Amino acid sequence: VLRAAQQTASADFATLALINESGHLRVRAVSGVLTDHVF
């Protein structure tokens, strides 16, 4: 999902954050220049 969003938007990066069972928001997927920094 994230690769498609980044490529279609002509973006340099994309992130996908999901709410876990404890109610916290965590980055679960990263694409682009931030791949090794915010996952």
ModelCIF file with pLDDT and N, C-alpha, C, O atoms, coordinates in Angstrom:
data_MODEL
#
_entry.id   MODEL 
#
_entity.id                         1 
_entity.type                       polymer 
_entity.pdbx_number_of_molecules   1 
#
_entity_poly.entity_id                      1 
_entity_poly.type                           'polypeptide(L)' 
_entity_poly.nstd_linkage                   no 
_entity_poly.nstd_monomer                   no 
_entity_poly.pdbx_seq_one_letter_code       VLRAAQQTASADFATLALINESGHLRVRAVSGVLTDHVF 
_entity_poly.pdbx_seq_one_letter_code_can   VLRAAQQTASADFATLALINESGHLRVRAVSGVLTDHVF 
_entity_poly.pdbx_strand_id                 A 
#
loop_
_entity_poly_seq.entity_id 
_entity_poly_seq.num 
_entity_poly_seq.mon_id 
_entity_poly_seq.hetero 
1 1  VAL n 
1 2  LEU n 
1 3  ARG n 
1 4  ALA n 
1 5  ALA n 
1 6  GLN n 
1 7  GLN n 
1 8  THR n 
1 9  ALA n 
1 10 SER n 
1 11 ALA n 
1 12 ASP n 
1 13 PHE n 
1 14 ALA n 
1 15 THR n 
1 16 LEU n 
1 17 ALA n 
1 18 LEU n 
1 19 ILE n 
1 20 ASN n 
1 21 GLU n 
1 22 SER n 
1 23 GLY n 
1 24 HIS n 
1 25 LEU n 
1 26 ARG n 
1 27 VAL n 
1 28 ARG n 
1 29 ALA n 
1 30 VAL n 
1 31 SER n 
1 32 GLY n 
1 33 VAL n 
1 34 LEU n 
1 35 THR n 
1 36 ASP n 
1 37 HIS n 
1 38 VAL n 
1 39 PHE n 
#
_struct_asym.id          A 
_struct_asym.entity_id   1 
#
loop_
_ma_qa_metric.id 
_ma_qa_metric.mode 
_ma_qa_metric.name 
_ma_qa_metric.software_group_id 
_ma_qa_metric.type 
1 global pLDDT . pLDDT 
2 local  pLDDT . pLDDT 
#
_ma_qa_metric_global.metric_id      1 
_ma_qa_metric_global.metric_value   87.77 
_ma_qa_metric_global.model_id       1 
_ma_qa_metric_global.ordinal_id     1 
#
loop_
_ma_qa_metric_local.label_asym_id 
_ma_qa_metric_local.label_comp_id 
_ma_qa_metric_local.label_seq_id 
_ma_qa_metric_local.metric_id 
_ma_qa_metric_local.metric_value 
_ma_qa_metric_local.model_id 
_ma_qa_metric_local.ordinal_id 
A VAL 1  2 84.00 1 1  
A LEU 2  2 86.00 1 2  
A ARG 3  2 88.00 1 3  
A ALA 4  2 88.00 1 4  
A ALA 5  2 89.00 1 5  
A GLN 6  2 90.00 1 6  
A GLN 7  2 90.00 1 7  
A THR 8  2 90.00 1 8  
A ALA 9  2 90.00 1 9  
A SER 10 2 91.00 1 10 
A ALA 11 2 92.00 1 11 
A ASP 12 2 93.00 1 12 
A PHE 13 2 93.00 1 13 
A ALA 14 2 92.00 1 14 
A THR 15 2 91.00 1 15 
A LEU 16 2 90.00 1 16 
A ALA 17 2 91.00 1 17 
A LEU 18 2 90.00 1 18 
A ILE 19 2 89.00 1 19 
A ASN 20 2 84.00 1 20 
A GLU 21 2 80.00 1 21 
A SER 22 2 80.00 1 22 
A GLY 23 2 84.00 1 23 
A HIS 24 2 87.00 1 24 
A LEU 25 2 91.00 1 25 
A ARG 26 2 89.00 1 26 
A VAL 27 2 90.00 1 27 
A ARG 28 2 87.00 1 28 
A ALA 29 2 87.00 1 29 
A VAL 30 2 89.00 1 30 
A SER 31 2 88.00 1 31 
A GLY 32 2 89.00 1 32 
A VAL 33 2 89.00 1 33 
A LEU 34 2 87.00 1 34 
A THR 35 2 82.00 1 35 
A ASP 36 2 79.00 1 36 
A HIS 37 2 83.00 1 37 
A VAL 38 2 86.00 1 38 
A PHE 39 2 85.00 1 39 
#
loop_
_atom_site.group_PDB 
_atom_site.id 
_atom_site.type_symbol 
_atom_site.label_atom_id 
_atom_site.label_alt_id 
_atom_site.label_comp_id 
_atom_site.label_asym_id 
_atom_site.label_entity_id 
_atom_site.label_seq_id 
_atom_site.pdbx_PDB_ins_code 
_atom_site.Cartn_x 
_atom_site.Cartn_y 
_atom_site.Cartn_z 
_atom_site.occupancy 
_atom_site.B_iso_or_equiv 
_atom_site.pdbx_formal_charge 
_atom_site.auth_seq_id 
_atom_site.auth_comp_id 
_atom_site.auth_asym_id 
_atom_site.auth_atom_id 
_atom_site.pdbx_PDB_model_num 
ATOM 1   N N  . VAL A 1 1  ? 0.831  -1.201 0.000  1.00 84.00 ? 1  VAL A N  1 
ATOM 2   C CA . VAL A 1 1  ? 0.000  0.000  0.000  1.00 84.00 ? 1  VAL A CA 1 
ATOM 3   C C  . VAL A 1 1  ? 0.865  1.250  0.000  1.00 84.00 ? 1  VAL A C  1 
ATOM 4   O O  . VAL A 1 1  ? 0.583  2.215  -0.711 1.00 84.00 ? 1  VAL A O  1 
ATOM 5   N N  . LEU A 1 2  ? 1.923  1.221  0.807  1.00 86.00 ? 2  LEU A N  1 
ATOM 6   C CA . LEU A 1 2  ? 2.746  2.416  0.976  1.00 86.00 ? 2  LEU A CA 1 
ATOM 7   C C  . LEU A 1 2  ? 3.574  2.728  -0.269 1.00 86.00 ? 2  LEU A C  1 
ATOM 8   O O  . LEU A 1 2  ? 3.696  3.890  -0.656 1.00 86.00 ? 2  LEU A O  1 
ATOM 9   N N  . ARG A 1 3  ? 4.139  1.706  -0.892 1.00 88.00 ? 3  ARG A N  1 
ATOM 10  C CA . ARG A 1 3  ? 4.911  1.926  -2.124 1.00 88.00 ? 3  ARG A CA 1 
ATOM 11  C C  . ARG A 1 3  ? 4.039  2.548  -3.204 1.00 88.00 ? 3  ARG A C  1 
ATOM 12  O O  . ARG A 1 3  ? 4.467  3.463  -3.907 1.00 88.00 ? 3  ARG A O  1 
ATOM 13  N N  . ALA A 1 4  ? 2.825  2.053  -3.332 1.00 88.00 ? 4  ALA A N  1 
ATOM 14  C CA . ALA A 1 4  ? 1.907  2.597  -4.338 1.00 88.00 ? 4  ALA A CA 1 
ATOM 15  C C  . ALA A 1 4  ? 1.586  4.060  -4.043 1.00 88.00 ? 4  ALA A C  1 
ATOM 16  O O  . ALA A 1 4  ? 1.526  4.875  -4.964 1.00 88.00 ? 4  ALA A O  1 
ATOM 17  N N  . ALA A 1 5  ? 1.380  4.403  -2.771 1.00 89.00 ? 5  ALA A N  1 
ATOM 18  C CA . ALA A 1 5  ? 1.063  5.784  -2.410 1.00 89.00 ? 5  ALA A CA 1 
ATOM 19  C C  . ALA A 1 5  ? 2.233  6.711  -2.710 1.00 89.00 ? 5  ALA A C  1 
ATOM 20  O O  . ALA A 1 5  ? 2.038  7.798  -3.254 1.00 89.00 ? 5  ALA A O  1 
ATOM 21  N N  . GLN A 1 6  ? 3.453  6.290  -2.359 1.00 90.00 ? 6  GLN A N  1 
ATOM 22  C CA . GLN A 1 6  ? 4.627  7.138  -2.584 1.00 90.00 ? 6  GLN A CA 1 
ATOM 23  C C  . GLN A 1 6  ? 4.874  7.375  -4.074 1.00 90.00 ? 6  GLN A C  1 
ATOM 24  O O  . GLN A 1 6  ? 5.105  8.505  -4.504 1.00 90.00 ? 6  GLN A O  1 
ATOM 25  N N  . GLN A 1 7  ? 4.823  6.301  -4.849 1.00 90.00 ? 7  GLN A N  1 
ATOM 26  C CA . GLN A 1 7  ? 5.114  6.423  -6.279 1.00 90.00 ? 7  GLN A CA 1 
ATOM 27  C C  . GLN A 1 7  ? 4.063  7.258  -6.993 1.00 90.00 ? 7  GLN A C  1 
ATOM 28  O O  . GLN A 1 7  ? 4.402  8.095  -7.829 1.00 90.00 ? 7  GLN A O  1 
ATOM 29  N N  . THR A 1 8  ? 2.796  7.043  -6.675 1.00 90.00 ? 8  THR A N  1 
ATOM 30  C CA . THR A 1 8  ? 1.739  7.753  -7.372 1.00 90.00 ? 8  THR A CA 1 
ATOM 31  C C  . THR A 1 8  ? 1.715  9.232  -7.008 1.00 90.00 ? 8  THR A C  1 
ATOM 32  O O  . THR A 1 8  ? 1.381  10.073 -7.842 1.00 90.00 ? 8  THR A O  1 
ATOM 33  N N  . ALA A 1 9  ? 2.069  9.553  -5.763 1.00 90.00 ? 9  ALA A N  1 
ATOM 34  C CA . ALA A 1 9  ? 2.082  10.943 -5.320 1.00 90.00 ? 9  ALA A CA 1 
ATOM 35  C C  . ALA A 1 9  ? 3.368  11.657 -5.699 1.00 90.00 ? 9  ALA A C  1 
ATOM 36  O O  . ALA A 1 9  ? 3.516  12.848 -5.422 1.00 90.00 ? 9  ALA A O  1 
ATOM 37  N N  . SER A 1 10 ? 4.308  10.944 -6.333 1.00 91.00 ? 10 SER A N  1 
ATOM 38  C CA . SER A 1 10 ? 5.623  11.514 -6.642 1.00 91.00 ? 10 SER A CA 1 
ATOM 39  C C  . SER A 1 10 ? 6.244  12.095 -5.370 1.00 91.00 ? 10 SER A C  1 
ATOM 40  O O  . SER A 1 10 ? 6.766  13.210 -5.368 1.00 91.00 ? 10 SER A O  1 
ATOM 41  N N  . ALA A 1 11 ? 6.176  11.316 -4.292 1.00 92.00 ? 11 ALA A N  1 
ATOM 42  C CA . ALA A 1 11 ? 6.672  11.744 -2.991 1.00 92.00 ? 11 ALA A CA 1 
ATOM 43  C C  . ALA A 1 11 ? 8.058  11.162 -2.743 1.00 92.00 ? 11 ALA A C  1 
ATOM 44  O O  . ALA A 1 11 ? 8.466  10.196 -3.387 1.00 92.00 ? 11 ALA A O  1 
ATOM 45  N N  . ASP A 1 12 ? 8.774  11.767 -1.796 1.00 93.00 ? 12 ASP A N  1 
ATOM 46  C CA . ASP A 1 12 ? 10.101 11.274 -1.422 1.00 93.00 ? 12 ASP A CA 1 
ATOM 47  C C  . ASP A 1 12 ? 10.023 10.226 -0.320 1.00 93.00 ? 12 ASP A C  1 
ATOM 48  O O  . ASP A 1 12 ? 10.958 9.447  -0.138 1.00 93.00 ? 12 ASP A O  1 
ATOM 49  N N  . PHE A 1 13 ? 8.923  10.203 0.410  1.00 93.00 ? 13 PHE A N  1 
ATOM 50  C CA . PHE A 1 13 ? 8.760  9.207  1.460  1.00 93.00 ? 13 PHE A CA 1 
ATOM 51  C C  . PHE A 1 13 ? 7.282  9.027  1.754  1.00 93.00 ? 13 PHE A C  1 
ATOM 52  O O  . PHE A 1 13 ? 6.452  9.861  1.394  1.00 93.00 ? 13 PHE A O  1 
ATOM 53  N N  . ALA A 1 14 ? 6.974  7.924  2.414  1.00 92.00 ? 14 ALA A N  1 
ATOM 54  C CA . ALA A 1 14 ? 5.604  7.657  2.854  1.00 92.00 ? 14 ALA A CA 1 
ATOM 55  C C  . ALA A 1 14 ? 5.675  6.812  4.117  1.00 92.00 ? 14 ALA A C  1 
ATOM 56  O O  . ALA A 1 14 ? 6.585  5.998  4.272  1.00 92.00 ? 14 ALA A O  1 
ATOM 57  N N  . THR A 1 15 ? 4.729  7.001  5.008  1.00 91.00 ? 15 THR A N  1 
ATOM 58  C CA . THR A 1 15 ? 4.665  6.218  6.243  1.00 91.00 ? 15 THR A CA 1 
ATOM 59  C C  . THR A 1 15 ? 3.233  5.766  6.476  1.00 91.00 ? 15 THR A C  1 
ATOM 60  O O  . THR A 1 15 ? 2.277  6.404  6.033  1.00 91.00 ? 15 THR A O  1 
ATOM 61  N N  . LEU A 1 16 ? 3.110  4.646  7.182  1.00 90.00 ? 16 LEU A N  1 
ATOM 62  C CA . LEU A 1 16 ? 1.796  4.141  7.564  1.00 90.00 ? 16 LEU A CA 1 
ATOM 63  C C  . LEU A 1 16 ? 1.852  3.807  9.046  1.00 90.00 ? 16 LEU A C  1 
ATOM 64  O O  . LEU A 1 16 ? 2.635  2.957  9.470  1.00 90.00 ? 16 LEU A O  1 
ATOM 65  N N  . ALA A 1 17 ? 1.020  4.479  9.827  1.00 91.00 ? 17 ALA A N  1 
ATOM 66  C CA . ALA A 1 17 ? 0.969  4.259  11.275 1.00 91.00 ? 17 ALA A CA 1 
ATOM 67  C C  . ALA A 1 17 ? -0.370 3.625  11.636 1.00 91.00 ? 17 ALA A C  1 
ATOM 68  O O  . ALA A 1 17 ? -1.412 4.044  11.133 1.00 91.00 ? 17 ALA A O  1 
ATOM 69  N N  . LEU A 1 18 ? -0.344 2.610  12.512 1.00 90.00 ? 18 LEU A N  1 
ATOM 70  C CA . LEU A 1 18 ? -1.549 1.909  12.922 1.00 90.00 ? 18 LEU A CA 1 
ATOM 71  C C  . LEU A 1 18 ? -1.709 1.981  14.438 1.00 90.00 ? 18 LEU A C  1 
ATOM 72  O O  . LEU A 1 18 ? -0.725 2.038  15.176 1.00 90.00 ? 18 LEU A O  1 
ATOM 73  N N  . ILE A 1 19 ? -2.952 1.978  14.885 1.00 89.00 ? 19 ILE A N  1 
ATOM 74  C CA . ILE A 1 19 ? -3.243 1.944  16.317 1.00 89.00 ? 19 ILE A CA 1 
ATOM 75  C C  . ILE A 1 19 ? -3.133 0.501  16.790 1.00 89.00 ? 19 ILE A C  1 
ATOM 76  O O  . ILE A 1 19 ? -3.783 -0.386 16.238 1.00 89.00 ? 19 ILE A O  1 
ATOM 77  N N  . ASN A 1 20 ? -2.297 0.258  17.828 1.00 84.00 ? 20 ASN A N  1 
ATOM 78  C CA . ASN A 1 20 ? -2.159 -1.101 18.338 1.00 84.00 ? 20 ASN A CA 1 
ATOM 79  C C  . ASN A 1 20 ? -3.222 -1.381 19.397 1.00 84.00 ? 20 ASN A C  1 
ATOM 80  O O  . ASN A 1 20 ? -4.053 -0.526 19.704 1.00 84.00 ? 20 ASN A O  1 
ATOM 81  N N  . GLU A 1 21 ? -3.182 -2.579 19.942 1.00 80.00 ? 21 GLU A N  1 
ATOM 82  C CA . GLU A 1 21 ? -4.224 -2.986 20.882 1.00 80.00 ? 21 GLU A CA 1 
ATOM 83  C C  . GLU A 1 21 ? -4.211 -2.166 22.158 1.00 80.00 ? 21 GLU A C  1 
ATOM 84  O O  . GLU A 1 21 ? -5.237 -2.044 22.828 1.00 80.00 ? 21 GLU A O  1 
ATOM 85  N N  . SER A 1 22 ? -3.061 -1.603 22.502 1.00 80.00 ? 22 SER A N  1 
ATOM 86  C CA . SER A 1 22 ? -2.983 -0.788 23.713 1.00 80.00 ? 22 SER A CA 1 
ATOM 87  C C  . SER A 1 22 ? -3.393 0.664  23.453 1.00 80.00 ? 22 SER A C  1 
ATOM 88  O O  . SER A 1 22 ? -3.345 1.497  24.358 1.00 80.00 ? 22 SER A O  1 
ATOM 89  N N  . GLY A 1 23 ? -3.799 0.965  22.210 1.00 84.00 ? 23 GLY A N  1 
ATOM 90  C CA . GLY A 1 23 ? -4.287 2.299  21.879 1.00 84.00 ? 23 GLY A CA 1 
ATOM 91  C C  . GLY A 1 23 ? -3.216 3.276  21.467 1.00 84.00 ? 23 GLY A C  1 
ATOM 92  O O  . GLY A 1 23 ? -3.502 4.461  21.300 1.00 84.00 ? 23 GLY A O  1 
ATOM 93  N N  . HIS A 1 24 ? -1.977 2.815  21.297 1.00 87.00 ? 24 HIS A N  1 
ATOM 94  C CA . HIS A 1 24 ? -0.896 3.700  20.881 1.00 87.00 ? 24 HIS A CA 1 
ATOM 95  C C  . HIS A 1 24 ? -0.740 3.651  19.358 1.00 87.00 ? 24 HIS A C  1 
ATOM 96  O O  . HIS A 1 24 ? -1.090 2.663  18.714 1.00 87.00 ? 24 HIS A O  1 
ATOM 97  N N  . LEU A 1 25 ? -0.210 4.734  18.805 1.00 91.00 ? 25 LEU A N  1 
ATOM 98  C CA . LEU A 1 25 ? -0.028 4.852  17.360 1.00 91.00 ? 25 LEU A CA 1 
ATOM 99  C C  . LEU A 1 25 ? 1.430  4.588  17.028 1.00 91.00 ? 25 LEU A C  1 
ATOM 100 O O  . LEU A 1 25 ? 2.320  5.301  17.490 1.00 91.00 ? 25 LEU A O  1 
ATOM 101 N N  . ARG A 1 26 ? 1.670  3.557  16.222 1.00 89.00 ? 26 ARG A N  1 
ATOM 102 C CA . ARG A 1 26 ? 3.040  3.162  15.898 1.00 89.00 ? 26 ARG A CA 1 
ATOM 103 C C  . ARG A 1 26 ? 3.225  3.069  14.386 1.00 89.00 ? 26 ARG A C  1 
ATOM 104 O O  . ARG A 1 26 ? 2.339  2.594  13.675 1.00 89.00 ? 26 ARG A O  1 
ATOM 105 N N  . VAL A 1 27 ? 4.388  3.529  13.895 1.00 90.00 ? 27 VAL A N  1 
ATOM 106 C CA . VAL A 1 27 ? 4.715  3.439  12.468 1.00 90.00 ? 27 VAL A CA 1 
ATOM 107 C C  . VAL A 1 27 ? 5.022  1.981  12.137 1.00 90.00 ? 27 VAL A C  1 
ATOM 108 O O  . VAL A 1 27 ? 5.982  1.405  12.649 1.00 90.00 ? 27 VAL A O  1 
ATOM 109 N N  . ARG A 1 28 ? 4.188  1.390  11.268 1.00 87.00 ? 28 ARG A N  1 
ATOM 110 C CA . ARG A 1 28 ? 4.343  -0.031 10.928 1.00 87.00 ? 28 ARG A CA 1 
ATOM 111 C C  . ARG A 1 28 ? 4.888  -0.256 9.533  1.00 87.00 ? 28 ARG A C  1 
ATOM 112 O O  . ARG A 1 28 ? 5.207  -1.389 9.174  1.00 87.00 ? 28 ARG A O  1 
ATOM 113 N N  . ALA A 1 29 ? 5.002  0.798  8.738  1.00 87.00 ? 29 ALA A N  1 
ATOM 114 C CA . ALA A 1 29 ? 5.579  0.642  7.389  1.00 87.00 ? 29 ALA A CA 1 
ATOM 115 C C  . ALA A 1 29 ? 6.135  1.998  6.954  1.00 87.00 ? 29 ALA A C  1 
ATOM 116 O O  . ALA A 1 29 ? 5.551  3.046  7.228  1.00 87.00 ? 29 ALA A O  1 
ATOM 117 N N  . VAL A 1 30 ? 7.284  1.947  6.265  1.00 89.00 ? 30 VAL A N  1 
ATOM 118 C CA . VAL A 1 30 ? 7.947  3.157  5.782  1.00 89.00 ? 30 VAL A CA 1 
ATOM 119 C C  . VAL A 1 30 ? 8.483  2.891  4.388  1.00 89.00 ? 30 VAL A C  1 
ATOM 120 O O  . VAL A 1 30 ? 8.959  1.795  4.092  1.00 89.00 ? 30 VAL A O  1 
ATOM 121 N N  . SER A 1 31 ? 8.402  3.906  3.528  1.00 88.00 ? 31 SER A N  1 
ATOM 122 C CA . SER A 1 31 ? 8.929  3.800  2.170  1.00 88.00 ? 31 SER A CA 1 
ATOM 123 C C  . SER A 1 31 ? 9.664  5.092  1.837  1.00 88.00 ? 31 SER A C  1 
ATOM 124 O O  . SER A 1 31 ? 9.245  6.170  2.257  1.00 88.00 ? 31 SER A O  1 
ATOM 125 N N  . GLY A 1 32 ? 10.763 4.989  1.080  1.00 89.00 ? 32 GLY A N  1 
ATOM 126 C CA . GLY A 1 32 ? 11.482 6.183  0.657  1.00 89.00 ? 32 GLY A CA 1 
ATOM 127 C C  . GLY A 1 32 ? 12.658 6.534  1.547  1.00 89.00 ? 32 GLY A C  1 
ATOM 128 O O  . GLY A 1 32 ? 13.264 5.656  2.161  1.00 89.00 ? 32 GLY A O  1 
ATOM 129 N N  . VAL A 1 33 ? 12.983 7.822  1.618  1.00 89.00 ? 33 VAL A N  1 
ATOM 130 C CA . VAL A 1 33 ? 14.216 8.275  2.256  1.00 89.00 ? 33 VAL A CA 1 
ATOM 131 C C  . VAL A 1 33 ? 14.198 8.112  3.770  1.00 89.00 ? 33 VAL A C  1 
ATOM 132 O O  . VAL A 1 33 ? 15.252 8.224  4.396  1.00 89.00 ? 33 VAL A O  1 
ATOM 133 N N  . LEU A 1 34 ? 13.047 7.854  4.383  1.00 87.00 ? 34 LEU A N  1 
ATOM 134 C CA . LEU A 1 34 ? 12.978 7.707  5.838  1.00 87.00 ? 34 LEU A CA 1 
ATOM 135 C C  . LEU A 1 34 ? 12.918 6.253  6.290  1.00 87.00 ? 34 LEU A C  1 
ATOM 136 O O  . LEU A 1 34 ? 12.659 5.980  7.462  1.00 87.00 ? 34 LEU A O  1 
ATOM 137 N N  . THR A 1 35 ? 13.157 5.316  5.370  1.00 82.00 ? 35 THR A N  1 
ATOM 138 C CA . THR A 1 35 ? 12.973 3.902  5.655  1.00 82.00 ? 35 THR A CA 1 
ATOM 139 C C  . THR A 1 35 ? 13.728 3.442  6.899  1.00 82.00 ? 35 THR A C  1 
ATOM 140 O O  . THR A 1 35 ? 13.172 2.714  7.721  1.00 82.00 ? 35 THR A O  1 
ATOM 141 N N  . ASP A 1 36 ? 14.975 3.852  7.050  1.00 79.00 ? 36 ASP A N  1 
ATOM 142 C CA . ASP A 1 36 ? 15.804 3.372  8.157  1.00 79.00 ? 36 ASP A CA 1 
ATOM 143 C C  . ASP A 1 36 ? 15.773 4.292  9.374  1.00 79.00 ? 36 ASP A C  1 
ATOM 144 O O  . ASP A 1 36 ? 16.631 4.189  10.251 1.00 79.00 ? 36 ASP A O  1 
ATOM 145 N N  . HIS A 1 37 ? 14.781 5.196  9.435  1.00 83.00 ? 37 HIS A N  1 
ATOM 146 C CA . HIS A 1 37 ? 14.830 6.201  10.497 1.00 83.00 ? 37 HIS A CA 1 
ATOM 147 C C  . HIS A 1 37 ? 13.576 6.263  11.373 1.00 83.00 ? 37 HIS A C  1 
ATOM 148 O O  . HIS A 1 37 ? 13.685 6.598  12.553 1.00 83.00 ? 37 HIS A O  1 
ATOM 149 N N  . VAL A 1 38 ? 12.416 5.961  10.851 1.00 86.00 ? 38 VAL A N  1 
ATOM 150 C CA . VAL A 1 38 ? 11.208 6.139  11.659 1.00 86.00 ? 38 VAL A CA 1 
ATOM 151 C C  . VAL A 1 38 ? 10.395 4.857  11.815 1.00 86.00 ? 38 VAL A C  1 
ATOM 152 O O  . VAL A 1 38 ? 9.338  4.883  12.446 1.00 86.00 ? 38 VAL A O  1 
ATOM 153 N N  . PHE A 1 39 ? 10.851 3.749  11.265 1.00 85.00 ? 39 PHE A N  1 
ATOM 154 C CA . PHE A 1 39 ? 10.094 2.501  11.396 1.00 85.00 ? 39 PHE A CA 1 
ATOM 155 C C  . PHE A 1 39 ? 10.014 2.117  12.874 1.00 85.00 ? 39 PHE A C  1 
ATOM 156 O O  . PHE A 1 39 ? 9.418  1.095  13.215 1.00 85.00 ? 39 PHE A O  1 
#
